[in-house]
Protein backbone atom coordinates (compact mmCIF):
# COMPACT_ATOMS: atom_id res chain seq x y z
CA UNK A 1 84.42 129.61 123.95
CA UNK A 2 83.94 128.79 120.24
CA UNK A 3 86.95 129.74 118.11
CA UNK A 4 86.38 130.75 114.52
CA UNK A 5 88.54 128.16 112.78
CA UNK A 6 88.66 124.44 113.48
CA UNK A 7 92.07 122.77 113.55
CA UNK A 8 93.18 119.15 114.00
CA UNK A 9 92.21 117.87 117.44
CA UNK A 10 94.84 115.12 117.32
CA UNK A 11 98.62 114.96 117.17
CA UNK A 12 99.22 112.82 114.11
CA UNK A 13 102.23 111.16 112.51
CA UNK A 14 102.59 112.64 109.03
CA UNK A 15 100.02 115.38 109.56
CA UNK A 16 99.79 117.60 106.50
CA UNK A 17 99.68 121.09 108.03
CA UNK A 18 103.24 121.74 106.84
CA UNK A 19 102.31 120.94 103.22
CA UNK A 20 99.29 123.23 102.99
CA UNK A 21 101.11 125.97 101.07
CA UNK A 22 102.27 123.48 98.42
CA UNK A 23 98.83 121.88 98.21
CA UNK A 24 97.23 125.30 97.81
CA UNK A 25 99.44 126.02 94.79
CA UNK A 26 98.14 122.86 93.14
CA UNK A 27 94.45 123.61 93.55
CA UNK A 28 92.77 124.00 90.20
CA UNK A 29 91.24 127.46 89.73
CA UNK A 30 88.57 125.93 87.52
CA UNK A 31 87.48 123.82 90.48
CA UNK A 32 87.76 126.12 93.51
CA UNK A 33 86.18 129.10 91.74
CA UNK A 34 82.77 127.41 92.15
CA UNK A 35 80.99 125.10 94.57
CA UNK A 36 82.75 121.76 94.85
CA UNK A 37 82.74 118.50 96.83
CA UNK A 38 85.78 117.50 98.87
CA UNK A 39 86.55 113.83 99.58
CA UNK A 40 89.40 112.57 101.78
CA UNK A 41 89.63 108.74 101.82
CA UNK A 42 92.45 108.59 104.46
CA UNK A 43 91.45 111.43 106.76
CA UNK A 44 93.85 111.00 109.70
CA UNK A 45 93.89 114.21 111.73
CA UNK A 46 92.03 116.14 109.03
CA UNK A 47 94.54 118.97 108.60
CA UNK A 48 93.62 119.51 104.94
CA UNK A 49 89.91 119.02 105.64
CA UNK A 50 89.80 121.77 108.28
CA UNK A 51 92.00 124.10 106.24
CA UNK A 52 89.67 123.79 103.25
CA UNK A 53 86.52 124.24 105.34
CA UNK A 54 88.04 127.31 107.03
CA UNK A 55 89.21 128.97 103.82
CA UNK A 56 86.95 127.78 101.01
CA UNK A 57 83.34 128.37 101.91
CA UNK A 58 82.28 127.03 98.52
CA UNK A 59 82.97 123.48 99.73
CA UNK A 60 79.32 122.51 99.52
CA UNK A 61 79.87 119.06 100.98
CA UNK A 62 82.76 117.07 102.39
CA UNK A 63 83.15 113.32 102.81
CA UNK A 64 85.86 111.78 104.98
CA UNK A 65 86.77 108.13 105.32
CA UNK A 66 89.28 106.05 107.21
CA UNK A 67 89.75 102.36 107.83
CA UNK A 68 90.51 103.15 111.48
CA UNK A 69 87.18 102.63 113.22
CA UNK A 70 88.36 104.18 116.49
CA UNK A 71 89.33 107.35 114.62
CA UNK A 72 86.05 107.69 112.73
CA UNK A 73 84.05 107.00 115.88
CA UNK A 74 85.92 109.86 117.54
CA UNK A 75 84.97 112.20 114.71
CA UNK A 76 81.39 110.98 115.16
CA UNK A 77 81.47 111.67 118.90
CA UNK A 78 82.68 115.22 118.30
CA UNK A 79 79.99 115.74 115.67
CA UNK A 80 77.07 114.40 117.71
CA UNK A 81 78.02 114.52 121.43
CA UNK A 82 80.61 117.28 121.95
CA UNK A 83 79.55 118.39 125.43
CA UNK A 84 79.58 114.84 126.81
CA UNK A 85 82.99 114.21 125.24
CA UNK A 86 84.40 117.46 126.62
CA UNK A 87 83.12 116.61 130.09
CA UNK A 88 84.93 113.24 130.08
CA UNK A 89 88.12 114.73 128.66
CA UNK A 90 88.09 117.44 131.30
CA UNK A 91 88.08 114.77 134.02
CA UNK A 92 90.89 112.82 132.34
CA UNK A 93 92.96 115.99 132.04
CA UNK A 94 92.43 116.98 135.66
CA UNK A 95 93.30 113.49 136.91
CA UNK A 96 96.40 113.19 134.74
CA UNK A 97 97.72 116.64 135.58
CA UNK A 98 97.20 116.02 139.30
CA UNK A 99 99.91 113.34 139.06
CA UNK A 100 102.61 115.76 137.89
CA UNK A 101 104.72 115.17 140.98
CA UNK A 102 104.93 111.41 140.43
CA UNK A 103 106.27 110.08 137.14
CA UNK A 104 105.47 106.52 138.20
CA UNK A 105 101.85 107.31 138.98
CA UNK A 106 101.44 109.12 135.65
CA UNK A 107 102.89 106.11 133.87
CA UNK A 108 100.58 103.77 135.77
CA UNK A 109 97.59 105.97 134.90
CA UNK A 110 98.51 106.02 131.20
CA UNK A 111 98.85 102.24 130.89
CA UNK A 112 95.67 101.71 132.87
CA UNK A 113 93.78 103.88 130.35
CA UNK A 114 95.49 102.12 127.44
CA UNK A 115 94.35 98.73 128.76
CA UNK A 116 90.83 100.09 129.19
CA UNK A 117 90.88 101.40 125.62
CA UNK A 118 91.97 98.03 124.24
CA UNK A 119 89.15 96.20 126.03
CA UNK A 120 86.66 98.29 124.01
CA UNK A 121 83.83 97.93 126.50
CA UNK A 122 83.11 101.62 127.06
CA UNK A 123 80.39 103.64 125.35
CA UNK A 124 81.37 105.27 122.04
CA UNK A 125 81.82 108.69 123.65
CA UNK A 126 83.89 107.30 126.53
CA UNK A 127 86.00 105.29 124.09
CA UNK A 128 86.52 108.41 121.96
CA UNK A 129 87.68 110.31 125.03
CA UNK A 130 90.22 107.56 125.74
CA UNK A 131 91.34 107.74 122.11
CA UNK A 132 92.03 111.48 122.43
CA UNK A 133 93.66 111.04 125.84
CA UNK A 134 96.07 108.40 124.53
CA UNK A 135 96.81 110.47 121.44
CA UNK A 136 97.71 113.53 123.51
CA UNK A 137 99.88 111.61 125.99
CA UNK A 138 101.53 108.83 123.95
CA UNK A 139 104.89 108.95 122.17
CA UNK A 140 104.76 111.64 119.42
CA UNK A 141 101.04 111.22 118.77
CA UNK A 142 101.78 107.94 117.01
CA UNK A 143 98.88 105.57 116.29
CA UNK A 144 100.01 101.97 116.00
CA UNK A 145 98.23 98.68 116.62
CA UNK A 146 99.26 95.04 116.62
CA UNK A 147 97.63 92.15 114.76
CA UNK A 148 94.97 91.95 117.49
CA UNK A 149 94.10 95.60 116.84
CA UNK A 150 95.49 96.60 120.24
CA UNK A 151 96.97 100.07 120.61
CA UNK A 152 100.56 99.52 121.76
CA UNK A 153 102.29 102.90 121.73
CA UNK A 154 104.24 103.74 124.93
CA UNK A 155 103.68 106.86 126.98
CA UNK A 156 105.27 110.08 125.78
CA UNK A 157 107.34 112.51 127.82
CA UNK A 158 105.02 115.55 127.77
CA UNK A 159 104.94 117.35 131.10
CA UNK A 160 101.48 118.89 130.95
CA UNK A 161 99.78 118.07 127.64
CA UNK A 162 96.50 119.65 126.62
CA UNK A 163 93.99 116.81 126.72
CA UNK A 164 90.77 118.82 126.65
CA UNK A 165 90.83 121.70 124.16
CA UNK A 166 87.21 122.75 124.58
CA UNK A 167 87.19 125.71 122.20
CA UNK A 168 88.70 123.71 119.36
CA UNK A 169 86.45 120.69 119.92
CA UNK A 170 83.43 122.98 119.64
CA UNK A 171 84.85 124.54 116.47
CA UNK A 172 85.45 121.05 115.03
CA UNK A 173 81.89 120.10 115.97
CA UNK A 174 80.59 123.07 113.98
CA UNK A 175 82.80 122.29 110.97
CA UNK A 176 81.73 118.63 110.91
CA UNK A 177 78.07 119.49 110.44
CA UNK A 178 78.66 119.63 106.67
CA UNK A 179 80.85 116.51 106.64
CA UNK A 180 79.74 112.93 105.99
CA UNK A 181 81.70 110.28 107.89
CA UNK A 182 82.60 106.88 106.43
CA UNK A 183 84.61 103.97 107.81
CA UNK A 184 86.05 101.38 105.47
CA UNK A 185 88.10 100.82 102.33
CA UNK A 186 89.14 103.92 100.40
CA UNK A 187 87.47 102.74 97.17
CA UNK A 188 83.97 103.19 98.61
CA UNK A 189 84.42 106.96 98.48
CA UNK A 190 83.87 106.99 94.71
CA UNK A 191 80.15 106.49 95.40
CA UNK A 192 80.01 109.99 96.94
CA UNK A 193 81.64 111.87 94.07
CA UNK A 194 79.77 114.04 91.60
CA UNK A 195 80.78 116.72 89.13
CA UNK A 196 83.33 119.18 90.54
CA UNK A 197 84.87 116.85 93.11
CA UNK A 198 88.35 117.07 94.63
CA UNK A 199 89.95 113.98 96.20
CA UNK A 200 92.97 114.27 98.47
CA UNK A 201 94.81 111.06 99.39
CA UNK A 202 97.16 110.80 102.34
CA UNK A 203 97.61 107.01 102.62
CA UNK A 204 99.98 105.22 104.99
CA UNK A 205 103.35 106.11 103.53
CA UNK A 206 105.64 103.59 101.90
CA UNK A 207 108.43 103.21 104.50
CA UNK A 208 111.87 104.57 103.66
CA UNK A 209 113.49 101.67 105.52
CA UNK A 210 112.53 98.64 107.58
CA UNK A 211 113.03 100.59 110.81
CA UNK A 212 111.04 103.63 109.65
CA UNK A 213 107.80 101.78 108.97
CA UNK A 214 104.84 103.43 110.66
CA UNK A 215 102.17 101.87 108.49
CA UNK A 216 100.86 99.48 111.18
CA UNK A 217 98.00 101.92 111.35
CA UNK A 218 95.47 99.10 111.14
CA UNK A 219 95.79 95.39 111.79
CA UNK A 220 96.31 94.86 108.03
CA UNK A 221 99.31 96.73 106.64
CA UNK A 222 99.19 99.04 103.63
CA UNK A 223 101.88 97.38 101.52
CA UNK A 224 103.06 97.79 97.91
CA UNK A 225 100.08 95.84 96.59
CA UNK A 226 97.80 98.39 98.28
CA UNK A 227 99.86 101.28 96.90
CA UNK A 228 99.36 99.88 93.40
CA UNK A 229 95.63 99.40 94.00
CA UNK A 230 95.42 103.04 95.09
CA UNK A 231 97.15 104.15 91.89
CA UNK A 232 94.63 102.18 89.83
CA UNK A 233 91.83 103.89 91.75
CA UNK A 234 93.39 107.28 90.93
CA UNK A 235 93.44 106.30 87.24
CA UNK A 236 89.74 105.49 87.48
CA UNK A 237 89.01 108.89 89.05
CA UNK A 238 91.02 110.54 86.30
CA UNK A 239 88.99 108.73 83.65
CA UNK A 240 85.82 110.02 85.30
CA UNK A 241 87.12 113.59 85.20
CA UNK A 242 87.64 114.08 88.96
CA UNK A 243 90.46 116.19 90.39
CA UNK A 244 92.85 114.49 92.81
CA UNK A 245 96.05 114.99 94.79
CA UNK A 246 98.13 112.40 96.61
CA UNK A 247 100.98 112.61 99.12
CA UNK A 248 103.54 109.91 99.81
CA UNK A 249 107.14 109.35 100.82
CA UNK A 250 109.97 110.02 98.39
CA UNK A 251 111.66 106.63 98.45
CA UNK A 252 114.10 107.76 95.76
CA UNK A 253 115.48 110.32 98.19
CA UNK A 254 116.63 107.44 100.39
CA UNK A 255 117.62 105.16 97.53
CA UNK A 256 118.32 106.91 94.18
CA UNK A 257 117.61 103.67 92.30
CA UNK A 258 114.16 103.19 93.84
CA UNK A 259 111.73 104.49 91.22
CA UNK A 260 108.63 102.86 92.69
CA UNK A 261 106.46 105.99 92.67
CA UNK A 262 108.15 107.66 89.70
CA UNK A 263 107.28 104.63 87.58
CA UNK A 264 103.87 104.06 89.14
CA UNK A 265 102.66 107.63 88.57
CA UNK A 266 104.75 108.35 85.46
CA UNK A 267 101.75 109.72 83.56
CA UNK A 268 100.86 112.23 86.26
CA UNK A 269 102.48 115.33 87.74
CA UNK A 270 105.02 114.48 90.47
CA UNK A 271 106.49 117.22 92.64
CA UNK A 272 109.04 116.80 95.42
CA UNK A 273 108.35 119.06 98.39
CA UNK A 274 110.09 119.67 101.70
CA UNK A 275 108.63 118.07 104.81
CA UNK A 276 109.81 117.85 108.38
CA UNK A 277 110.56 114.47 109.91
CA UNK A 278 109.13 114.55 113.44
CA UNK A 279 108.98 110.87 114.43
CA UNK A 280 112.27 109.45 115.59
CA UNK A 281 113.34 108.27 119.00
CA UNK A 282 116.58 110.20 118.45
CA UNK A 283 115.86 113.96 118.18
CA UNK A 284 119.12 114.44 116.26
CA UNK A 285 117.73 112.32 113.41
CA UNK A 286 114.68 114.54 113.00
CA UNK A 287 114.89 117.10 110.24
CA UNK A 288 113.79 117.83 106.69
CA UNK A 289 113.27 115.35 103.90
CA UNK A 290 111.42 115.25 100.61
CA UNK A 291 107.88 114.01 100.13
CA UNK A 292 105.89 113.54 96.95
CA UNK A 293 102.86 115.57 95.94
CA UNK A 294 101.23 113.91 92.94
CA UNK A 295 98.32 115.37 90.97
CA UNK A 296 96.34 114.68 87.83
CA UNK A 297 96.34 118.37 86.92
CA UNK A 298 97.00 119.87 84.45
CA UNK A 299 97.45 116.58 82.56
CA UNK A 300 93.93 115.18 82.99
CA UNK A 301 92.93 115.08 79.32
CA UNK A 302 96.29 113.68 78.22
CA UNK A 303 96.26 110.90 80.80
CA UNK A 304 92.63 110.10 80.13
CA UNK A 305 93.48 109.56 76.44
CA UNK A 306 96.36 107.25 77.40
CA UNK A 307 94.13 105.32 79.79
CA UNK A 308 91.35 104.89 77.23
CA UNK A 309 93.86 103.78 74.59
CA UNK A 310 95.10 101.13 77.00
CA UNK A 311 91.60 99.87 77.59
CA UNK A 312 91.00 99.61 73.84
CA UNK A 313 94.10 97.44 73.42
CA UNK A 314 92.99 94.96 76.11
């Protein structure tokens, strides 16, 4: 039942599977030609994590972090209690699929499980199973919470979604054995870096418009102040000689006069890459748009000199 390669076990808004080829082009040969550490401070569904672990066996250690406690606890459940989790998911899948002939009963079942999830009284493994169930059955795999940290995404329209993917969960369990799990602010991840470390950042994207904001990923939003704090963290990593990549929305594509990221990361390499928009209530408005892929390679030494010069002038 164990498949060779692990893949994301969640449907995830903004998942990075489609950007892997562009990310691969940006990997520094001087880094990936030897053993290295991989750190992902906003792990989400882990698309890049699993791709790296599947294809680069010289990742000697990986560290993932996310501020979403429910998400990290689910990774933990897969890492430490996969059989128990699979057993619960199998029951949820069987019960949900048995209601195929009644849309109303399926809807009632979904909202009952959502209410149970938001009460947070189940064991960690049971809560993780509910997390996966809701992810596989909600609208477009979106994760969104209100100020009370209550998951509030409506049910999706999938006819018979896969809720329990046993073979992949076992593959993920195996992959996670070399991964350290953290839950908290992204800046704590610097404590786990050493020489030959690659950071990949996939933060909540800066929204392209007021109606396209999907950054209510935690009860506290990731606003422009947070985007600037992240950039300052990247400058610190650059000063320390670490490799990093960062993805974000191309706000200039929506508004040609909006140079927020172009100005913020002016001293680094900014590339615009194609990405597919998959979250929109209107299918006709889904399509391709540009995203940013920002790196500190090959300009590390140049930017480090600029950064140090700035510090000397302060």
